[in-house]
Amino acid sequence: MLETSQDLLRLAIALVILFIGLAIGWGCVYIALILRDIKKMTKSARKKLDLIDQILETVKKKVETTANYLPPLIEGMGKLAAHFKDKKTSQKKRKK
């Protein structure tokens, strides 16, 4: 099998090429696994950001709805306070 030193050299070169091929293959698999994990993390982060966006959108709608009801509510409370104030002054006038 190994008759000359050239045969030994060719066997060594073949083993080195095989090792380099295995190393490159393992590196490709490792990079693919890293990219898969990055994809999972970005998908998870995107879901969380969408959830935060939905929460903020809901809060915004609630605030807008509440803001629409505030002016009439404040006006009504002012009229109610004025009514009670007038009623109180009229009761004081009756007592005198």
N, C-alpha and C. Protein backbone atom coordinates (compact mmCIF):
# COMPACT_ATOMS: atom_id res chain seq x y z
N MET A 1 0.82 -1.18 0.00
CA MET A 1 0.00 0.00 0.00
C MET A 1 0.88 1.25 0.00
N LEU A 2 1.70 1.45 0.96
CA LEU A 2 2.59 2.60 1.00
C LEU A 2 3.97 2.15 0.53
N GLU A 3 4.20 2.23 -0.75
CA GLU A 3 5.47 1.76 -1.29
C GLU A 3 6.51 2.87 -1.30
N THR A 4 6.05 4.11 -1.53
CA THR A 4 7.02 5.20 -1.58
C THR A 4 6.59 6.31 -0.63
N SER A 5 7.48 7.25 -0.45
CA SER A 5 7.16 8.39 0.42
C SER A 5 6.09 9.28 -0.20
N GLN A 6 5.99 9.23 -1.52
CA GLN A 6 4.97 10.01 -2.21
C GLN A 6 3.57 9.47 -1.86
N ASP A 7 3.43 8.18 -1.69
CA ASP A 7 2.14 7.59 -1.28
C ASP A 7 1.76 8.09 0.12
N LEU A 8 2.74 8.15 1.01
CA LEU A 8 2.49 8.65 2.36
C LEU A 8 2.09 10.13 2.32
N LEU A 9 2.73 10.91 1.46
CA LEU A 9 2.40 12.33 1.31
C LEU A 9 0.97 12.50 0.81
N ARG A 10 0.60 11.71 -0.19
CA ARG A 10 -0.76 11.79 -0.73
C ARG A 10 -1.80 11.39 0.31
N LEU A 11 -1.50 10.38 1.12
CA LEU A 11 -2.41 9.97 2.19
C LEU A 11 -2.56 11.09 3.22
N ALA A 12 -1.46 11.73 3.57
CA ALA A 12 -1.51 12.84 4.53
C ALA A 12 -2.31 14.01 3.96
N ILE A 13 -2.09 14.33 2.69
CA ILE A 13 -2.85 15.42 2.05
C ILE A 13 -4.33 15.07 2.01
N ALA A 14 -4.67 13.83 1.72
CA ALA A 14 -6.07 13.41 1.69
C ALA A 14 -6.71 13.55 3.07
N LEU A 15 -5.98 13.16 4.11
CA LEU A 15 -6.52 13.29 5.47
C LEU A 15 -6.70 14.76 5.86
N VAL A 16 -5.76 15.60 5.47
CA VAL A 16 -5.88 17.03 5.76
C VAL A 16 -7.08 17.63 5.04
N ILE A 17 -7.25 17.26 3.76
CA ILE A 17 -8.40 17.75 2.99
C ILE A 17 -9.70 17.26 3.62
N LEU A 18 -9.73 16.01 4.08
CA LEU A 18 -10.92 15.47 4.74
C LEU A 18 -11.20 16.25 6.03
N PHE A 19 -10.17 16.52 6.81
CA PHE A 19 -10.33 17.28 8.05
C PHE A 19 -10.83 18.69 7.77
N ILE A 20 -10.27 19.34 6.76
CA ILE A 20 -10.71 20.70 6.40
C ILE A 20 -12.17 20.67 5.95
N GLY A 21 -12.55 19.67 5.18
CA GLY A 21 -13.95 19.54 4.74
C GLY A 21 -14.90 19.35 5.91
N LEU A 22 -14.50 18.50 6.86
CA LEU A 22 -15.33 18.29 8.05
C LEU A 22 -15.43 19.58 8.88
N ALA A 23 -14.33 20.29 9.01
CA ALA A 23 -14.34 21.54 9.78
C ALA A 23 -15.24 22.57 9.11
N ILE A 24 -15.16 22.69 7.79
CA ILE A 24 -16.02 23.63 7.08
C ILE A 24 -17.49 23.22 7.21
N GLY A 25 -17.77 21.93 7.10
CA GLY A 25 -19.15 21.44 7.26
C GLY A 25 -19.68 21.72 8.65
N TRP A 26 -18.86 21.44 9.67
CA TRP A 26 -19.28 21.70 11.04
C TRP A 26 -19.51 23.19 11.25
N GLY A 27 -18.63 24.02 10.68
CA GLY A 27 -18.79 25.47 10.79
C GLY A 27 -20.08 25.95 10.15
N CYS A 28 -20.42 25.38 8.99
CA CYS A 28 -21.67 25.76 8.31
C CYS A 28 -22.89 25.38 9.15
N VAL A 29 -22.85 24.18 9.74
CA VAL A 29 -23.96 23.75 10.59
C VAL A 29 -24.07 24.66 11.81
N TYR A 30 -22.95 25.00 12.41
CA TYR A 30 -22.95 25.87 13.58
C TYR A 30 -23.49 27.25 13.24
N ILE A 31 -23.09 27.80 12.11
CA ILE A 31 -23.60 29.10 11.67
C ILE A 31 -25.10 29.02 11.41
N ALA A 32 -25.56 27.91 10.81
CA ALA A 32 -27.00 27.74 10.56
C ALA A 32 -27.77 27.71 11.88
N LEU A 33 -27.22 27.03 12.89
CA LEU A 33 -27.89 26.98 14.19
C LEU A 33 -27.93 28.37 14.85
N ILE A 34 -26.85 29.11 14.71
CA ILE A 34 -26.82 30.47 15.27
C ILE A 34 -27.86 31.35 14.57
N LEU A 35 -27.94 31.25 13.25
CA LEU A 35 -28.92 32.04 12.51
C LEU A 35 -30.35 31.65 12.89
N ARG A 36 -30.58 30.35 13.13
CA ARG A 36 -31.91 29.90 13.54
C ARG A 36 -32.28 30.50 14.90
N ASP A 37 -31.32 30.51 15.83
CA ASP A 37 -31.57 31.10 17.14
C ASP A 37 -31.84 32.60 17.04
N ILE A 38 -31.10 33.28 16.17
CA ILE A 38 -31.32 34.71 15.96
C ILE A 38 -32.72 34.95 15.41
N LYS A 39 -33.15 34.10 14.49
CA LYS A 39 -34.49 34.23 13.92
C LYS A 39 -35.55 34.05 15.00
N LYS A 40 -35.36 33.06 15.87
CA LYS A 40 -36.31 32.83 16.96
C LYS A 40 -36.37 34.03 17.90
N MET A 41 -35.19 34.59 18.22
CA MET A 41 -35.16 35.74 19.13
C MET A 41 -35.83 36.95 18.51
N THR A 42 -35.60 37.20 17.23
CA THR A 42 -36.23 38.36 16.60
C THR A 42 -37.74 38.16 16.49
N LYS A 43 -38.17 36.93 16.25
CA LYS A 43 -39.61 36.66 16.19
C LYS A 43 -40.24 36.90 17.55
N SER A 44 -39.57 36.44 18.61
CA SER A 44 -40.07 36.65 19.96
C SER A 44 -40.10 38.14 20.31
N ALA A 45 -39.05 38.85 19.96
CA ALA A 45 -39.01 40.29 20.23
C ALA A 45 -40.10 41.02 19.45
N ARG A 46 -40.34 40.60 18.22
CA ARG A 46 -41.38 41.22 17.41
C ARG A 46 -42.76 40.99 18.04
N LYS A 47 -43.00 39.78 18.55
CA LYS A 47 -44.27 39.50 19.21
C LYS A 47 -44.45 40.38 20.44
N LYS A 48 -43.38 40.53 21.22
CA LYS A 48 -43.47 41.36 22.42
C LYS A 48 -43.70 42.82 22.07
N LEU A 49 -43.03 43.30 21.04
CA LEU A 49 -43.23 44.69 20.61
C LEU A 49 -44.65 44.89 20.08
N ASP A 50 -45.19 43.90 19.37
CA ASP A 50 -46.57 44.00 18.90
C ASP A 50 -47.54 44.04 20.08
N LEU A 51 -47.26 43.24 21.11
CA LEU A 51 -48.11 43.25 22.30
C LEU A 51 -48.06 44.61 22.99
N ILE A 52 -46.87 45.16 23.11
CA ILE A 52 -46.72 46.50 23.72
C ILE A 52 -47.45 47.54 22.88
N ASP A 53 -47.35 47.41 21.56
CA ASP A 53 -48.04 48.35 20.66
C ASP A 53 -49.55 48.25 20.84
N GLN A 54 -50.07 47.03 20.97
CA GLN A 54 -51.51 46.85 21.18
C GLN A 54 -51.94 47.47 22.51
N ILE A 55 -51.13 47.26 23.54
CA ILE A 55 -51.47 47.83 24.85
C ILE A 55 -51.48 49.35 24.79
N LEU A 56 -50.46 49.93 24.16
CA LEU A 56 -50.42 51.39 24.04
C LEU A 56 -51.57 51.92 23.19
N GLU A 57 -51.94 51.20 22.15
CA GLU A 57 -53.06 51.61 21.31
C GLU A 57 -54.36 51.58 22.11
N THR A 58 -54.54 50.54 22.94
CA THR A 58 -55.73 50.44 23.78
C THR A 58 -55.78 51.59 24.78
N VAL A 59 -54.65 51.87 25.41
CA VAL A 59 -54.59 52.98 26.38
C VAL A 59 -54.89 54.30 25.68
N LYS A 60 -54.37 54.48 24.49
CA LYS A 60 -54.61 55.71 23.73
C LYS A 60 -56.10 55.87 23.43
N LYS A 61 -56.75 54.79 23.01
CA LYS A 61 -58.19 54.85 22.72
C LYS A 61 -58.98 55.17 23.98
N LYS A 62 -58.58 54.55 25.11
CA LYS A 62 -59.29 54.81 26.37
C LYS A 62 -59.14 56.27 26.78
N VAL A 63 -57.93 56.80 26.62
CA VAL A 63 -57.69 58.20 26.99
C VAL A 63 -58.49 59.13 26.08
N GLU A 64 -58.52 58.82 24.78
CA GLU A 64 -59.30 59.65 23.86
C GLU A 64 -60.78 59.60 24.20
N THR A 65 -61.28 58.42 24.53
CA THR A 65 -62.69 58.28 24.89
C THR A 65 -62.98 59.05 26.17
N THR A 66 -62.09 58.93 27.14
CA THR A 66 -62.27 59.66 28.39
C THR A 66 -62.18 61.16 28.16
N ALA A 67 -61.28 61.58 27.30
CA ALA A 67 -61.14 63.01 27.01
C ALA A 67 -62.39 63.55 26.33
N ASN A 68 -63.08 62.74 25.56
CA ASN A 68 -64.32 63.18 24.92
C ASN A 68 -65.43 63.38 25.95
N TYR A 69 -65.41 62.61 27.03
CA TYR A 69 -66.46 62.73 28.04
C TYR A 69 -66.16 63.79 29.09
N LEU A 70 -64.93 64.22 29.21
CA LEU A 70 -64.56 65.16 30.27
C LEU A 70 -65.22 66.53 30.15
N PRO A 71 -65.21 67.21 29.01
CA PRO A 71 -65.82 68.55 28.97
C PRO A 71 -67.30 68.57 29.37
N PRO A 72 -68.14 67.67 28.85
CA PRO A 72 -69.53 67.69 29.32
C PRO A 72 -69.65 67.36 30.80
N LEU A 73 -68.79 66.46 31.27
CA LEU A 73 -68.83 66.09 32.68
C LEU A 73 -68.43 67.28 33.55
N ILE A 74 -67.41 68.00 33.16
CA ILE A 74 -66.97 69.18 33.92
C ILE A 74 -68.06 70.25 33.90
N GLU A 75 -68.66 70.44 32.74
CA GLU A 75 -69.74 71.43 32.63
C GLU A 75 -70.92 71.04 33.51
N GLY A 76 -71.27 69.77 33.50
CA GLY A 76 -72.37 69.29 34.34
C GLY A 76 -72.06 69.46 35.82
N MET A 77 -70.82 69.15 36.21
CA MET A 77 -70.44 69.31 37.61
C MET A 77 -70.48 70.79 38.01
N GLY A 78 -70.08 71.67 37.09
CA GLY A 78 -70.15 73.11 37.37
C GLY A 78 -71.58 73.57 37.57
N LYS A 79 -72.48 73.10 36.70
CA LYS A 79 -73.90 73.47 36.84
C LYS A 79 -74.47 72.91 38.13
N LEU A 80 -74.08 71.68 38.47
CA LEU A 80 -74.57 71.06 39.69
C LEU A 80 -74.07 71.84 40.91
N ALA A 81 -72.82 72.24 40.90
CA ALA A 81 -72.28 73.03 42.01
C ALA A 81 -72.99 74.38 42.10
N ALA A 82 -73.25 75.00 40.96
CA ALA A 82 -73.96 76.28 40.97
C ALA A 82 -75.37 76.10 41.51
N HIS A 83 -76.02 75.01 41.14
CA HIS A 83 -77.38 74.74 41.62
C HIS A 83 -77.38 74.58 43.14
N PHE A 84 -76.44 73.80 43.67
CA PHE A 84 -76.39 73.62 45.11
C PHE A 84 -76.03 74.92 45.83
N LYS A 85 -75.18 75.72 45.21
CA LYS A 85 -74.82 77.00 45.81
C LYS A 85 -76.03 77.92 45.85
N ASP A 86 -76.79 77.97 44.75
CA ASP A 86 -78.00 78.79 44.72
C ASP A 86 -79.02 78.28 45.74
N LYS A 87 -79.13 76.98 45.84
CA LYS A 87 -80.09 76.39 46.78
C LYS A 87 -79.69 76.73 48.21
N LYS A 88 -78.39 76.68 48.48
CA LYS A 88 -77.91 76.98 49.83
C LYS A 88 -78.15 78.45 50.17
N THR A 89 -77.91 79.34 49.23
CA THR A 89 -78.12 80.77 49.50
C THR A 89 -79.61 81.07 49.64
N SER A 90 -80.44 80.39 48.87
CA SER A 90 -81.88 80.64 48.99
C SER A 90 -82.40 80.13 50.33
N GLN A 91 -81.83 79.04 50.84
CA GLN A 91 -82.25 78.52 52.14
C GLN A 91 -81.81 79.48 53.25
N LYS A 92 -80.64 80.09 53.10
CA LYS A 92 -80.17 81.05 54.10
C LYS A 92 -81.06 82.29 54.11
N LYS A 93 -81.53 82.72 52.93
CA LYS A 93 -82.39 83.89 52.84
C LYS A 93 -83.74 83.60 53.49
N ARG A 94 -84.23 82.38 53.34
CA ARG A 94 -85.52 82.03 53.93
C ARG A 94 -85.44 82.02 55.45
N LYS A 95 -84.31 81.58 55.98
CA LYS A 95 -84.16 81.49 57.43
C LYS A 95 -84.13 82.87 58.06
N LYS A 96 -83.65 83.87 57.38
CA LYS A 96 -83.53 85.21 57.95
C LYS A 96 -84.81 85.93 57.93
